[in-house]
Amino acid sequence: MSDSNTLLTALRQSTRADHEALEELTLGEKIMDGSLTAAEYRRIIDWQRRSHLKLEPRVIGFRAGDYAYRPRFVAPAAPPQSETRKTDKATAVGILYVLEGASLGGSLIYRKLQGNASLASEAPFDFYREQAEWGLQQWRNFVAYLNGESFTTDATERAADAAREAFATFRREWIAVP
């Protein structure tokens, strides 16, 4: 069996390059240095919406202990039963690692957006403001859930594969956003 700290470490290590590449691709530097424009901000929000709508159906309703996934974007309608894929726990954990990590980062992004005078017309930055309000607690609850679980080596590998695929989804959706 693999303990949760090993799972968390495996997820971090197996996705580090994906995370760094995605930040570079998706204007992370411009967010942090305050040079992001309103048009770029709108592109980011559209990308977030598209990415979440691809990933969230696989984890909607996931709950364990004090942790429950909180959807960021509500899908216009539930997909037909035939289109809904059953997601095993390890796969869900990998996807959730990426989604909850993104929310955790959203708290920092929110502060940076508030400090960017050229984005005043886009305020109050609802998507990131909500993450600033609950992203840290969601992450803590997610990690607490992981701390109470055991994962086999196979399950750890499936979680890491799912996390890498979640990052790939974010990448594909970024490239697809005009």
N, C-alpha and C. Protein backbone atom coordinates (compact mmCIF):
# COMPACT_ATOMS: atom_id res chain seq x y z
N MET A 1 0.84 -1.20 0.00
CA MET A 1 0.00 0.00 0.00
C MET A 1 0.88 1.25 0.00
N SER A 2 0.33 2.27 -0.55
CA SER A 2 1.01 3.56 -0.62
C SER A 2 0.28 4.51 0.31
N ASP A 3 1.01 5.22 1.19
CA ASP A 3 0.30 6.16 2.05
C ASP A 3 0.04 7.46 1.30
N SER A 4 -0.84 8.29 1.86
CA SER A 4 -1.29 9.48 1.15
C SER A 4 -0.17 10.47 0.89
N ASN A 5 0.79 10.57 1.83
CA ASN A 5 1.90 11.49 1.58
C ASN A 5 2.69 11.04 0.36
N THR A 6 2.82 9.72 0.20
CA THR A 6 3.48 9.19 -0.97
C THR A 6 2.65 9.51 -2.21
N LEU A 7 1.32 9.41 -2.10
CA LEU A 7 0.45 9.75 -3.23
C LEU A 7 0.60 11.22 -3.58
N LEU A 8 0.53 12.08 -2.58
CA LEU A 8 0.67 13.52 -2.83
C LEU A 8 2.03 13.82 -3.47
N THR A 9 3.08 13.19 -2.96
CA THR A 9 4.42 13.37 -3.52
C THR A 9 4.47 12.86 -4.95
N ALA A 10 3.87 11.69 -5.19
CA ALA A 10 3.86 11.13 -6.54
C ALA A 10 3.11 12.04 -7.51
N LEU A 11 2.00 12.59 -7.06
CA LEU A 11 1.23 13.50 -7.92
C LEU A 11 2.04 14.77 -8.23
N ARG A 12 2.67 15.31 -7.21
CA ARG A 12 3.49 16.52 -7.42
C ARG A 12 4.64 16.24 -8.39
N GLN A 13 5.34 15.14 -8.14
CA GLN A 13 6.51 14.83 -8.96
C GLN A 13 6.12 14.50 -10.40
N SER A 14 5.04 13.74 -10.55
CA SER A 14 4.68 13.31 -11.90
C SER A 14 4.06 14.42 -12.74
N THR A 15 3.60 15.50 -12.09
CA THR A 15 2.96 16.58 -12.84
C THR A 15 3.74 17.89 -12.82
N ARG A 16 4.88 17.90 -12.17
CA ARG A 16 5.64 19.15 -12.04
C ARG A 16 5.90 19.80 -13.40
N ALA A 17 6.39 19.04 -14.35
CA ALA A 17 6.69 19.60 -15.68
C ALA A 17 5.41 20.08 -16.36
N ASP A 18 4.32 19.33 -16.22
CA ASP A 18 3.04 19.74 -16.81
C ASP A 18 2.57 21.07 -16.22
N HIS A 19 2.69 21.18 -14.91
CA HIS A 19 2.26 22.39 -14.21
C HIS A 19 3.07 23.60 -14.67
N GLU A 20 4.37 23.45 -14.70
CA GLU A 20 5.24 24.56 -15.10
C GLU A 20 4.99 24.97 -16.55
N ALA A 21 4.84 23.99 -17.43
CA ALA A 21 4.59 24.29 -18.85
C ALA A 21 3.25 25.00 -19.03
N LEU A 22 2.25 24.57 -18.28
CA LEU A 22 0.93 25.19 -18.40
C LEU A 22 0.96 26.63 -17.90
N GLU A 23 1.64 26.87 -16.79
CA GLU A 23 1.75 28.24 -16.28
C GLU A 23 2.42 29.15 -17.31
N GLU A 24 3.45 28.66 -17.94
CA GLU A 24 4.17 29.46 -18.94
C GLU A 24 3.29 29.72 -20.16
N LEU A 25 2.58 28.71 -20.59
CA LEU A 25 1.73 28.81 -21.78
C LEU A 25 0.55 29.75 -21.56
N THR A 26 0.01 29.76 -20.35
CA THR A 26 -1.27 30.44 -20.10
C THR A 26 -1.13 31.81 -19.43
N LEU A 27 -0.11 32.52 -19.74
CA LEU A 27 0.06 33.91 -19.31
C LEU A 27 0.30 34.06 -17.81
N GLY A 28 0.79 33.04 -17.16
CA GLY A 28 1.06 33.13 -15.72
C GLY A 28 1.99 34.27 -15.36
N GLU A 29 3.01 34.48 -16.19
CA GLU A 29 3.96 35.56 -15.91
C GLU A 29 3.27 36.93 -15.99
N LYS A 30 2.38 37.09 -16.96
CA LYS A 30 1.67 38.36 -17.12
C LYS A 30 0.71 38.61 -15.95
N ILE A 31 0.12 37.53 -15.44
CA ILE A 31 -0.75 37.68 -14.26
C ILE A 31 0.10 38.18 -13.09
N MET A 32 1.24 37.53 -12.88
CA MET A 32 2.07 37.84 -11.73
C MET A 32 2.73 39.21 -11.81
N ASP A 33 3.10 39.65 -13.01
CA ASP A 33 3.77 40.96 -13.10
C ASP A 33 2.80 42.12 -13.33
N GLY A 34 1.51 41.82 -13.40
CA GLY A 34 0.51 42.89 -13.52
C GLY A 34 0.32 43.45 -14.91
N SER A 35 0.82 42.76 -15.93
CA SER A 35 0.70 43.28 -17.30
C SER A 35 -0.42 42.62 -18.10
N LEU A 36 -1.22 41.78 -17.47
CA LEU A 36 -2.33 41.11 -18.14
C LEU A 36 -3.36 42.14 -18.61
N THR A 37 -3.83 42.00 -19.85
CA THR A 37 -4.84 42.92 -20.39
C THR A 37 -6.24 42.36 -20.16
N ALA A 38 -7.25 43.19 -20.35
CA ALA A 38 -8.64 42.76 -20.19
C ALA A 38 -8.97 41.64 -21.19
N ALA A 39 -8.52 41.77 -22.42
CA ALA A 39 -8.79 40.72 -23.42
C ALA A 39 -8.13 39.40 -23.01
N GLU A 40 -6.93 39.47 -22.48
CA GLU A 40 -6.25 38.25 -22.02
C GLU A 40 -6.97 37.65 -20.82
N TYR A 41 -7.45 38.49 -19.92
CA TYR A 41 -8.22 38.00 -18.77
C TYR A 41 -9.46 37.26 -19.25
N ARG A 42 -10.19 37.82 -20.20
CA ARG A 42 -11.40 37.17 -20.71
C ARG A 42 -11.05 35.83 -21.38
N ARG A 43 -9.90 35.78 -22.04
CA ARG A 43 -9.46 34.51 -22.64
C ARG A 43 -9.20 33.47 -21.54
N ILE A 44 -8.58 33.90 -20.47
CA ILE A 44 -8.30 32.98 -19.36
C ILE A 44 -9.61 32.45 -18.76
N ILE A 45 -10.58 33.32 -18.56
CA ILE A 45 -11.85 32.87 -17.98
C ILE A 45 -12.56 31.90 -18.93
N ASP A 46 -12.55 32.18 -20.22
CA ASP A 46 -13.16 31.27 -21.18
C ASP A 46 -12.44 29.93 -21.15
N TRP A 47 -11.13 29.95 -21.07
CA TRP A 47 -10.34 28.72 -20.99
C TRP A 47 -10.66 27.94 -19.72
N GLN A 48 -10.74 28.63 -18.59
CA GLN A 48 -11.08 27.96 -17.34
C GLN A 48 -12.45 27.29 -17.44
N ARG A 49 -13.42 28.03 -17.99
CA ARG A 49 -14.77 27.49 -18.13
C ARG A 49 -14.75 26.23 -18.99
N ARG A 50 -14.11 26.32 -20.14
CA ARG A 50 -14.07 25.17 -21.06
C ARG A 50 -13.37 23.97 -20.41
N SER A 51 -12.27 24.20 -19.75
CA SER A 51 -11.52 23.11 -19.11
C SER A 51 -12.33 22.47 -17.99
N HIS A 52 -12.92 23.29 -17.14
CA HIS A 52 -13.71 22.75 -16.04
C HIS A 52 -14.92 21.98 -16.54
N LEU A 53 -15.57 22.46 -17.59
CA LEU A 53 -16.74 21.76 -18.11
C LEU A 53 -16.36 20.42 -18.72
N LYS A 54 -15.12 20.24 -19.11
CA LYS A 54 -14.64 18.94 -19.60
C LYS A 54 -14.33 18.00 -18.43
N LEU A 55 -13.76 18.54 -17.35
CA LEU A 55 -13.29 17.70 -16.25
C LEU A 55 -14.32 17.49 -15.14
N GLU A 56 -15.10 18.51 -14.85
CA GLU A 56 -16.01 18.43 -13.70
C GLU A 56 -17.02 17.29 -13.76
N PRO A 57 -17.58 16.94 -14.92
CA PRO A 57 -18.54 15.83 -14.92
C PRO A 57 -17.96 14.53 -14.36
N ARG A 58 -16.66 14.38 -14.38
CA ARG A 58 -16.03 13.16 -13.88
C ARG A 58 -15.88 13.14 -12.37
N VAL A 59 -16.03 14.32 -11.72
CA VAL A 59 -15.85 14.37 -10.27
C VAL A 59 -17.03 15.01 -9.52
N ILE A 60 -18.03 15.48 -10.25
CA ILE A 60 -19.21 16.06 -9.60
C ILE A 60 -19.77 15.04 -8.62
N GLY A 61 -20.08 15.48 -7.44
CA GLY A 61 -20.65 14.60 -6.42
C GLY A 61 -19.62 13.84 -5.61
N PHE A 62 -18.33 13.99 -5.91
CA PHE A 62 -17.30 13.30 -5.14
C PHE A 62 -17.24 13.91 -3.75
N ARG A 63 -17.39 13.06 -2.75
CA ARG A 63 -17.28 13.53 -1.37
C ARG A 63 -16.74 12.40 -0.50
N ALA A 64 -16.00 12.81 0.51
CA ALA A 64 -15.43 11.86 1.47
C ALA A 64 -15.06 12.65 2.72
N GLY A 65 -15.61 12.27 3.86
CA GLY A 65 -15.32 12.98 5.10
C GLY A 65 -15.75 14.43 4.99
N ASP A 66 -14.85 15.34 5.35
CA ASP A 66 -15.14 16.78 5.26
C ASP A 66 -14.92 17.34 3.86
N TYR A 67 -14.43 16.52 2.97
CA TYR A 67 -14.16 16.99 1.61
C TYR A 67 -15.34 16.69 0.68
N ALA A 68 -15.72 17.69 -0.09
CA ALA A 68 -16.70 17.51 -1.17
C ALA A 68 -16.28 18.43 -2.30
N TYR A 69 -16.23 17.89 -3.51
CA TYR A 69 -15.86 18.73 -4.64
C TYR A 69 -16.92 19.81 -4.84
N ARG A 70 -16.45 21.01 -5.04
CA ARG A 70 -17.32 22.16 -5.25
C ARG A 70 -17.16 22.63 -6.70
N PRO A 71 -18.19 22.44 -7.53
CA PRO A 71 -18.06 22.82 -8.94
C PRO A 71 -17.78 24.31 -9.11
N ARG A 72 -16.94 24.62 -10.06
CA ARG A 72 -16.60 26.01 -10.36
C ARG A 72 -17.54 26.58 -11.41
N PHE A 73 -17.93 25.76 -12.35
CA PHE A 73 -18.84 26.16 -13.42
C PHE A 73 -19.97 25.14 -13.46
N VAL A 74 -21.17 25.61 -13.48
CA VAL A 74 -22.31 24.70 -13.53
C VAL A 74 -22.61 24.41 -15.00
N ALA A 75 -22.60 23.15 -15.34
CA ALA A 75 -22.89 22.76 -16.72
C ALA A 75 -24.33 23.12 -17.06
N PRO A 76 -24.58 23.53 -18.32
CA PRO A 76 -25.93 23.92 -18.70
C PRO A 76 -26.94 22.78 -18.54
N ALA A 77 -26.52 21.56 -18.75
CA ALA A 77 -27.40 20.40 -18.57
C ALA A 77 -26.52 19.19 -18.33
N ALA A 78 -27.06 18.23 -17.61
CA ALA A 78 -26.31 17.01 -17.36
C ALA A 78 -26.13 16.26 -18.67
N PRO A 79 -24.97 15.65 -18.89
CA PRO A 79 -24.78 14.89 -20.12
C PRO A 79 -25.68 13.66 -20.12
N PRO A 80 -26.07 13.19 -21.29
CA PRO A 80 -26.86 11.96 -21.34
C PRO A 80 -26.11 10.83 -20.66
N GLN A 81 -26.85 9.91 -20.07
CA GLN A 81 -26.25 8.81 -19.32
C GLN A 81 -25.19 8.08 -20.14
N SER A 82 -25.43 7.93 -21.44
CA SER A 82 -24.48 7.20 -22.28
C SER A 82 -23.14 7.93 -22.42
N GLU A 83 -23.13 9.26 -22.19
CA GLU A 83 -21.89 10.02 -22.31
C GLU A 83 -21.15 10.15 -20.98
N THR A 84 -21.78 9.76 -19.90
CA THR A 84 -21.16 9.89 -18.59
C THR A 84 -20.25 8.69 -18.35
N ARG A 85 -18.98 8.97 -18.12
CA ARG A 85 -18.03 7.89 -17.84
C ARG A 85 -17.93 7.69 -16.34
N LYS A 86 -17.92 6.44 -15.93
CA LYS A 86 -17.73 6.15 -14.52
C LYS A 86 -16.26 6.39 -14.19
N THR A 87 -16.05 7.13 -13.12
CA THR A 87 -14.69 7.46 -12.72
C THR A 87 -14.35 6.73 -11.43
N ASP A 88 -13.31 5.92 -11.46
CA ASP A 88 -12.89 5.22 -10.24
C ASP A 88 -12.22 6.22 -9.30
N LYS A 89 -12.07 5.81 -8.04
CA LYS A 89 -11.55 6.71 -7.01
C LYS A 89 -10.16 7.25 -7.35
N ALA A 90 -9.27 6.41 -7.81
CA ALA A 90 -7.90 6.87 -8.11
C ALA A 90 -7.91 7.90 -9.23
N THR A 91 -8.69 7.66 -10.26
CA THR A 91 -8.79 8.61 -11.37
C THR A 91 -9.37 9.93 -10.88
N ALA A 92 -10.43 9.84 -10.08
CA ALA A 92 -11.04 11.06 -9.52
C ALA A 92 -10.03 11.84 -8.70
N VAL A 93 -9.24 11.15 -7.89
CA VAL A 93 -8.24 11.83 -7.06
C VAL A 93 -7.22 12.57 -7.93
N GLY A 94 -6.80 11.96 -9.03
CA GLY A 94 -5.87 12.64 -9.92
C GLY A 94 -6.46 13.90 -10.54
N ILE A 95 -7.70 13.82 -10.98
CA ILE A 95 -8.38 14.99 -11.55
C ILE A 95 -8.56 16.04 -10.47
N LEU A 96 -9.00 15.62 -9.29
CA LEU A 96 -9.22 16.56 -8.18
C LEU A 96 -7.93 17.24 -7.75
N TYR A 97 -6.83 16.51 -7.80
CA TYR A 97 -5.54 17.12 -7.46
C TYR A 97 -5.29 18.35 -8.33
N VAL A 98 -5.58 18.24 -9.60
CA VAL A 98 -5.36 19.36 -10.52
C VAL A 98 -6.39 20.46 -10.28
N LEU A 99 -7.66 20.10 -10.17
CA LEU A 99 -8.71 21.11 -9.98
C LEU A 99 -8.56 21.85 -8.65
N GLU A 100 -8.30 21.12 -7.58
CA GLU A 100 -8.16 21.78 -6.27
C GLU A 100 -6.85 22.57 -6.20
N GLY A 101 -5.81 22.07 -6.83
CA GLY A 101 -4.57 22.84 -6.89
C GLY A 101 -4.76 24.14 -7.65
N ALA A 102 -5.55 24.08 -8.71
CA ALA A 102 -5.85 25.30 -9.47
C ALA A 102 -6.61 26.30 -8.62
N SER A 103 -7.53 25.82 -7.80
CA SER A 103 -8.27 26.73 -6.91
C SER A 103 -7.36 27.34 -5.87
N LEU A 104 -6.45 26.55 -5.37
CA LEU A 104 -5.49 27.08 -4.40
C LEU A 104 -4.69 28.22 -5.05
N GLY A 105 -4.23 28.01 -6.26
CA GLY A 105 -3.52 29.05 -6.99
C GLY A 105 -4.41 30.24 -7.32
N GLY A 106 -5.71 30.00 -7.43
CA GLY A 106 -6.65 31.07 -7.72
C GLY A 106 -6.67 32.15 -6.67
N SER A 107 -6.36 31.80 -5.44
CA SER A 107 -6.31 32.80 -4.36
C SER A 107 -5.22 33.83 -4.64
N LEU A 108 -4.06 33.36 -5.05
CA LEU A 108 -2.95 34.26 -5.38
C LEU A 108 -3.29 35.07 -6.64
N ILE A 109 -3.85 34.41 -7.62
CA ILE A 109 -4.21 35.09 -8.86
C ILE A 109 -5.20 36.22 -8.57
N TYR A 110 -6.17 35.97 -7.70
CA TYR A 110 -7.16 36.99 -7.36
C TYR A 110 -6.49 38.25 -6.83
N ARG A 111 -5.55 38.08 -5.92
CA ARG A 111 -4.84 39.24 -5.37
C ARG A 111 -4.08 40.00 -6.47
N LYS A 112 -3.47 39.26 -7.38
CA LYS A 112 -2.73 39.90 -8.48
C LYS A 112 -3.69 40.64 -9.42
N LEU A 113 -4.83 40.06 -9.69
CA LEU A 113 -5.81 40.73 -10.57
C LEU A 113 -6.31 42.02 -9.95
N GLN A 114 -6.55 42.00 -8.65
CA GLN A 114 -7.03 43.20 -7.96
C GLN A 114 -6.02 44.34 -8.05
N GLY A 115 -4.75 44.01 -8.10
CA GLY A 115 -3.71 45.02 -8.15
C GLY A 115 -3.39 45.52 -9.55
N ASN A 116 -4.07 44.98 -10.56
CA ASN A 116 -3.81 45.36 -11.95
C ASN A 116 -4.85 46.40 -12.39
N ALA A 117 -4.45 47.66 -12.43
CA ALA A 117 -5.38 48.77 -12.75
C ALA A 117 -6.01 48.62 -14.13
N SER A 118 -5.32 48.00 -15.07
CA SER A 118 -5.88 47.86 -16.42
C SER A 118 -7.02 46.84 -16.48
N LEU A 119 -7.26 46.14 -15.38
CA LEU A 119 -8.35 45.15 -15.35
C LEU A 119 -9.56 45.65 -14.57
N ALA A 120 -9.59 46.92 -14.21
CA ALA A 120 -10.69 47.46 -13.40
C ALA A 120 -12.06 47.17 -14.02
N SER A 121 -12.15 47.19 -15.34
CA SER A 121 -13.44 46.95 -16.00
C SER A 121 -13.90 45.50 -15.86
N GLU A 122 -13.01 44.60 -15.51
CA GLU A 122 -13.34 43.18 -15.36
C GLU A 122 -13.70 42.80 -13.93
N ALA A 123 -13.44 43.70 -12.98
CA ALA A 123 -13.71 43.41 -11.57
C ALA A 123 -15.21 43.16 -11.39
N PRO A 124 -15.58 42.33 -10.45
CA PRO A 124 -14.84 41.87 -9.26
C PRO A 124 -14.15 40.52 -9.42
N PHE A 125 -13.97 40.03 -10.64
CA PHE A 125 -13.24 38.78 -10.88
C PHE A 125 -13.89 37.60 -10.15
N ASP A 126 -15.19 37.42 -10.37
CA ASP A 126 -15.98 36.44 -9.62
C ASP A 126 -15.33 35.06 -9.52
N PHE A 127 -14.86 34.52 -10.64
CA PHE A 127 -14.28 33.18 -10.63
C PHE A 127 -13.13 33.08 -9.64
N TYR A 128 -12.22 34.02 -9.69
CA TYR A 128 -11.06 33.98 -8.80
C TYR A 128 -11.40 34.46 -7.39
N ARG A 129 -12.35 35.37 -7.26
CA ARG A 129 -12.75 35.83 -5.92
C ARG A 129 -13.31 34.65 -5.12
N GLU A 130 -14.16 33.85 -5.75
CA GLU A 130 -14.72 32.69 -5.06
C GLU A 130 -13.62 31.72 -4.65
N GLN A 131 -12.63 31.54 -5.50
CA GLN A 131 -11.53 30.65 -5.14
C GLN A 131 -10.73 31.21 -3.97
N ALA A 132 -10.58 32.52 -3.93
CA ALA A 132 -9.87 33.15 -2.81
C ALA A 132 -10.63 32.92 -1.51
N GLU A 133 -11.96 32.88 -1.60
CA GLU A 133 -12.78 32.71 -0.40
C GLU A 133 -12.74 31.28 0.13
N TRP A 134 -12.67 30.29 -0.75
CA TRP A 134 -12.74 28.91 -0.25
C TRP A 134 -11.67 27.96 -0.79
N GLY A 135 -10.78 28.42 -1.66
CA GLY A 135 -9.79 27.53 -2.26
C GLY A 135 -8.84 26.89 -1.27
N LEU A 136 -8.35 27.66 -0.30
CA LEU A 136 -7.41 27.11 0.68
C LEU A 136 -8.09 26.03 1.53
N GLN A 137 -9.31 26.30 1.98
CA GLN A 137 -10.01 25.30 2.79
C GLN A 137 -10.32 24.04 1.99
N GLN A 138 -10.70 24.22 0.72
CA GLN A 138 -10.94 23.05 -0.14
C GLN A 138 -9.68 22.21 -0.25
N TRP A 139 -8.54 22.87 -0.46
CA TRP A 139 -7.27 22.14 -0.57
C TRP A 139 -6.96 21.40 0.72
N ARG A 140 -7.13 22.07 1.85
CA ARG A 140 -6.86 21.43 3.14
C ARG A 140 -7.77 20.22 3.35
N ASN A 141 -9.04 20.35 3.00
CA ASN A 141 -9.97 19.23 3.14
C ASN A 141 -9.59 18.09 2.20
N PHE A 142 -9.15 18.42 1.01
CA PHE A 142 -8.73 17.40 0.05
C PHE A 142 -7.50 16.65 0.57
N VAL A 143 -6.52 17.38 1.07
CA VAL A 143 -5.31 16.75 1.63
C VAL A 143 -5.67 15.92 2.86
N ALA A 144 -6.57 16.41 3.69
CA ALA A 144 -7.01 15.63 4.86
C ALA A 144 -7.66 14.33 4.41
N TYR A 145 -8.45 14.40 3.35
CA TYR A 145 -9.04 13.18 2.79
C TYR A 145 -7.94 12.22 2.37
N LEU A 146 -6.95 12.73 1.63
CA LEU A 146 -5.85 11.87 1.19
C LEU A 146 -5.11 11.27 2.37
N ASN A 147 -4.94 12.04 3.43
CA ASN A 147 -4.23 11.54 4.61
C ASN A 147 -4.96 10.39 5.28
N GLY A 148 -6.25 10.27 5.06
CA GLY A 148 -7.02 9.19 5.66
C GLY A 148 -7.19 7.98 4.75
N GLU A 149 -6.62 8.03 3.57
CA GLU A 149 -6.79 6.97 2.59
C GLU A 149 -5.48 6.25 2.31
N SER A 150 -5.60 5.01 1.86
CA SER A 150 -4.44 4.25 1.39
C SER A 150 -4.67 3.92 -0.08
N PHE A 151 -3.61 3.97 -0.85
CA PHE A 151 -3.69 3.69 -2.28
C PHE A 151 -2.63 2.66 -2.63
N THR A 152 -3.01 1.69 -3.44
CA THR A 152 -2.05 0.71 -3.93
C THR A 152 -1.11 1.41 -4.91
N THR A 153 -0.04 0.74 -5.25
CA THR A 153 0.88 1.28 -6.25
C THR A 153 0.14 1.49 -7.57
N ASP A 154 -0.71 0.54 -7.94
CA ASP A 154 -1.49 0.67 -9.17
C ASP A 154 -2.43 1.87 -9.11
N ALA A 155 -3.09 2.06 -7.98
CA ALA A 155 -4.01 3.20 -7.83
C ALA A 155 -3.24 4.52 -7.87
N THR A 156 -2.06 4.54 -7.28
CA THR A 156 -1.22 5.74 -7.32
C THR A 156 -0.85 6.07 -8.76
N GLU A 157 -0.50 5.06 -9.53
CA GLU A 157 -0.16 5.28 -10.94
C GLU A 157 -1.37 5.77 -11.73
N ARG A 158 -2.56 5.22 -11.46
CA ARG A 158 -3.78 5.68 -12.14
C ARG A 158 -4.08 7.13 -11.78
N ALA A 159 -3.89 7.49 -10.51
CA ALA A 159 -4.12 8.87 -10.08
C ALA A 159 -3.15 9.81 -10.79
N ALA A 160 -1.89 9.42 -10.87
CA ALA A 160 -0.89 10.25 -11.55
C ALA A 160 -1.21 10.38 -13.03
N ASP A 161 -1.62 9.29 -13.66
CA ASP A 161 -2.01 9.34 -15.08
C ASP A 161 -3.19 10.29 -15.27
N ALA A 162 -4.17 10.21 -14.38
CA ALA A 162 -5.35 11.08 -14.48
C ALA A 162 -4.98 12.54 -14.26
N ALA A 163 -4.06 12.80 -13.36
CA ALA A 163 -3.62 14.18 -13.13
C ALA A 163 -2.90 14.72 -14.37
N ARG A 164 -2.03 13.91 -14.96
CA ARG A 164 -1.35 14.36 -16.18
C ARG A 164 -2.36 14.60 -17.30
N GLU A 165 -3.36 13.74 -17.40
CA GLU A 165 -4.39 13.92 -18.43
C GLU A 165 -5.22 15.17 -18.14
N ALA A 166 -5.47 15.48 -16.88
CA ALA A 166 -6.20 16.71 -16.54
C ALA A 166 -5.39 17.93 -16.97
N PHE A 167 -4.09 17.91 -16.72
CA PHE A 167 -3.23 19.00 -17.19
C PHE A 167 -3.28 19.08 -18.72
N ALA A 168 -3.27 17.92 -19.38
CA ALA A 168 -3.33 17.90 -20.85
C ALA A 168 -4.66 18.49 -21.34
N THR A 169 -5.73 18.25 -20.60
CA THR A 169 -7.02 18.85 -20.96
C THR A 169 -6.94 20.36 -20.88
N PHE A 170 -6.37 20.88 -19.79
CA PHE A 170 -6.21 22.32 -19.67
C PHE A 170 -5.36 22.86 -20.83
N ARG A 171 -4.31 22.14 -21.19
CA ARG A 171 -3.44 22.58 -22.30
C ARG A 171 -4.22 22.59 -23.61
N ARG A 172 -4.93 21.51 -23.91
CA ARG A 172 -5.70 21.44 -25.16
C ARG A 172 -6.73 22.55 -25.23
N GLU A 173 -7.40 22.81 -24.12
CA GLU A 173 -8.42 23.85 -24.11
C GLU A 173 -7.80 25.24 -24.27
N TRP A 174 -6.61 25.44 -23.73
CA TRP A 174 -5.94 26.74 -23.92
C TRP A 174 -5.65 26.97 -25.40
N ILE A 175 -5.12 25.95 -26.02
CA ILE A 175 -4.77 26.06 -27.44
C ILE A 175 -6.03 26.27 -28.28
N ALA A 176 -7.15 25.70 -27.86
CA ALA A 176 -8.41 25.81 -28.61
C ALA A 176 -9.10 27.16 -28.43
N VAL A 177 -8.77 27.91 -27.37
CA VAL A 177 -9.42 29.20 -27.13
C VAL A 177 -8.79 30.23 -28.07
N PRO A 178 -9.62 30.92 -28.86
CA PRO A 178 -9.07 31.91 -29.81
C PRO A 178 -8.43 33.11 -29.12
